[in-house]
């Protein structure tokens, strides 16, 4: 799987959130490097699961839309004598 590459601004925003989480929930201070390493690890580990879930959600959405289109097409049929 292709690694997730976040824009610098987004990555820094998430790094700040990770640092805040550690401070609030664990009463621990971690630096930018530790927070970024944790983020990189989590992205690497979670990415395949999140990706597969997104694909499944998209597949279901397309399937529902296709069923709706199919119903619309059947409703357009003209009756035969």
C-alpha atoms as a PDB file:
ATOM      1  CA  UNK A   1       0.000   0.000   0.000  1.00  0.00           C
ATOM      2  CA  UNK A   2       1.198   3.498  -0.818  1.00  0.00           C
ATOM      3  CA  UNK A   3       2.106   5.390   2.371  1.00  0.00           C
ATOM      4  CA  UNK A   4      -0.152   8.265   3.330  1.00  0.00           C
ATOM      5  CA  UNK A   5       1.566  11.608   2.734  1.00  0.00           C
ATOM      6  CA  UNK A   6      -0.152  14.430   4.564  1.00  0.00           C
ATOM      7  CA  UNK A   7       0.398  18.072   3.652  1.00  0.00           C
ATOM      8  CA  UNK A   8       2.856  19.716   6.052  1.00  0.00           C
ATOM      9  CA  UNK A   9       0.188  21.974   7.587  1.00  0.00           C
ATOM     10  CA  UNK A  10      -2.177  19.064   8.286  1.00  0.00           C
ATOM     11  CA  UNK A  11       0.587  16.919   9.726  1.00  0.00           C
ATOM     12  CA  UNK A  12       1.678  19.722  12.075  1.00  0.00           C
ATOM     13  CA  UNK A  13      -1.931  20.238  13.167  1.00  0.00           C
ATOM     14  CA  UNK A  14      -2.271  16.541  14.011  1.00  0.00           C
ATOM     15  CA  UNK A  15       1.101  16.524  15.790  1.00  0.00           C
ATOM     16  CA  UNK A  16      -0.169  19.350  17.989  1.00  0.00           C
ATOM     17  CA  UNK A  17      -3.349  17.347  18.701  1.00  0.00           C
ATOM     18  CA  UNK A  18      -1.278  14.305  19.683  1.00  0.00           C
ATOM     19  CA  UNK A  19       0.800  16.430  22.056  1.00  0.00           C
ATOM     20  CA  UNK A  20      -2.353  17.924  23.590  1.00  0.00           C
ATOM     21  CA  UNK A  21      -3.858  14.443  23.985  1.00  0.00           C
ATOM     22  CA  UNK A  22      -0.804  13.184  25.865  1.00  0.00           C
ATOM     23  CA  UNK A  23      -0.840  16.256  28.083  1.00  0.00           C
ATOM     24  CA  UNK A  24      -4.578  16.103  28.867  1.00  0.00           C
ATOM     25  CA  UNK A  25      -5.173  12.341  29.052  1.00  0.00           C
ATOM     26  CA  UNK A  26      -1.858  11.037  30.318  1.00  0.00           C
ATOM     27  CA  UNK A  27      -0.331  14.094  32.012  1.00  0.00           C
ATOM     28  CA  UNK A  28       2.775  13.538  29.887  1.00  0.00           C
ATOM     29  CA  UNK A  29       4.621  16.035  27.770  1.00  0.00           C
ATOM     30  CA  UNK A  30       5.999  14.790  24.487  1.00  0.00           C
ATOM     31  CA  UNK A  31       7.865  16.764  21.886  1.00  0.00           C
ATOM     32  CA  UNK A  32       7.263  17.289  18.210  1.00  0.00           C
ATOM     33  CA  UNK A  33       9.538  14.425  17.159  1.00  0.00           C
ATOM     34  CA  UNK A  34       7.857  11.868  19.441  1.00  0.00           C
ATOM     35  CA  UNK A  35       4.388  13.022  18.395  1.00  0.00           C
ATOM     36  CA  UNK A  36       5.350  12.891  14.714  1.00  0.00           C
ATOM     37  CA  UNK A  37       6.840   9.409  15.104  1.00  0.00           C
ATOM     38  CA  UNK A  38       3.669   8.217  16.825  1.00  0.00           C
ATOM     39  CA  UNK A  39       1.560   9.752  14.057  1.00  0.00           C
ATOM     40  CA  UNK A  40       3.693   8.082  11.360  1.00  0.00           C
ATOM     41  CA  UNK A  41       3.401   4.730  13.142  1.00  0.00           C
ATOM     42  CA  UNK A  42      -0.374   5.043  13.547  1.00  0.00           C
ATOM     43  CA  UNK A  43      -0.835   6.049   9.904  1.00  0.00           C
ATOM     44  CA  UNK A  44       1.242   3.072   8.776  1.00  0.00           C
ATOM     45  CA  UNK A  45      -0.662   0.652  11.003  1.00  0.00           C
ATOM     46  CA  UNK A  46      -4.177   2.039  10.526  1.00  0.00           C
ATOM     47  CA  UNK A  47      -4.035   3.033   6.856  1.00  0.00           C
ATOM     48  CA  UNK A  48      -4.878  -0.408   5.392  1.00  0.00           C
ATOM     49  CA  UNK A  49      -7.887  -0.811   7.696  1.00  0.00           C
ATOM     50  CA  UNK A  50      -9.190   2.698   7.074  1.00  0.00           C
ATOM     51  CA  UNK A  51      -8.592   2.344   3.331  1.00  0.00           C
ATOM     52  CA  UNK A  52     -10.443  -0.978   3.158  1.00  0.00           C
ATOM     53  CA  UNK A  53     -13.342   0.437   5.177  1.00  0.00           C
ATOM     54  CA  UNK A  54     -13.540   3.449   2.850  1.00  0.00           C
ATOM     55  CA  UNK A  55     -13.557   1.153  -0.191  1.00  0.00           C
ATOM     56  CA  UNK A  56     -16.346  -0.946   1.325  1.00  0.00           C
ATOM     57  CA  UNK A  57     -18.380   2.161   2.194  1.00  0.00           C
ATOM     58  CA  UNK A  58     -17.914   3.484  -1.353  1.00  0.00           C
ATOM     59  CA  UNK A  59     -18.910   0.109  -2.809  1.00  0.00           C
ATOM     60  CA  UNK A  60     -22.098   0.080  -0.753  1.00  0.00           C
ATOM     61  CA  UNK A  61     -22.936   3.657  -1.748  1.00  0.00           C
ATOM     62  CA  UNK A  62     -22.454   2.840  -5.437  1.00  0.00           C
ATOM     63  CA  UNK A  63     -24.528  -0.329  -5.041  1.00  0.00           C
ATOM     64  CA  UNK A  64     -27.397   1.650  -3.466  1.00  0.00           C
ATOM     65  CA  UNK A  65     -27.215   4.320  -6.154  1.00  0.00           C
ATOM     66  CA  UNK A  66     -27.210   1.657  -8.876  1.00  0.00           C
ATOM     67  CA  UNK A  67     -30.303   0.042  -7.362  1.00  0.00           C
ATOM     68  CA  UNK A  68     -32.013   3.437  -7.314  1.00  0.00           C
ATOM     69  CA  UNK A  69     -31.101   4.094 -10.957  1.00  0.00           C
ATOM     70  CA  UNK A  70     -32.331   0.638 -11.899  1.00  0.00           C
ATOM     71  CA  UNK A  71     -35.701   1.362 -10.262  1.00  0.00           C
ATOM     72  CA  UNK A  72     -35.920   4.684 -12.100  1.00  0.00           C
ATOM     73  CA  UNK A  73     -35.186   2.999 -15.419  1.00  0.00           C
ATOM     74  CA  UNK A  74     -37.879   0.367 -14.854  1.00  0.00           C
ATOM     75  CA  UNK A  75     -40.371   3.115 -14.030  1.00  0.00           C
ATOM     76  CA  UNK A  76     -39.715   4.681 -17.449  1.00  0.00           C
ATOM     77  CA  UNK A  77     -40.734   1.581 -19.362  1.00  0.00           C
ATOM     78  CA  UNK A  78     -43.834   1.982 -21.489  1.00  0.00           C
ATOM     79  CA  UNK A  79     -46.586  -0.562 -21.132  1.00  0.00           C
ATOM     80  CA  UNK A  80     -47.068  -2.907 -24.056  1.00  0.00           C
ATOM     81  CA  UNK A  81     -50.626  -3.270 -25.237  1.00  0.00           C
END
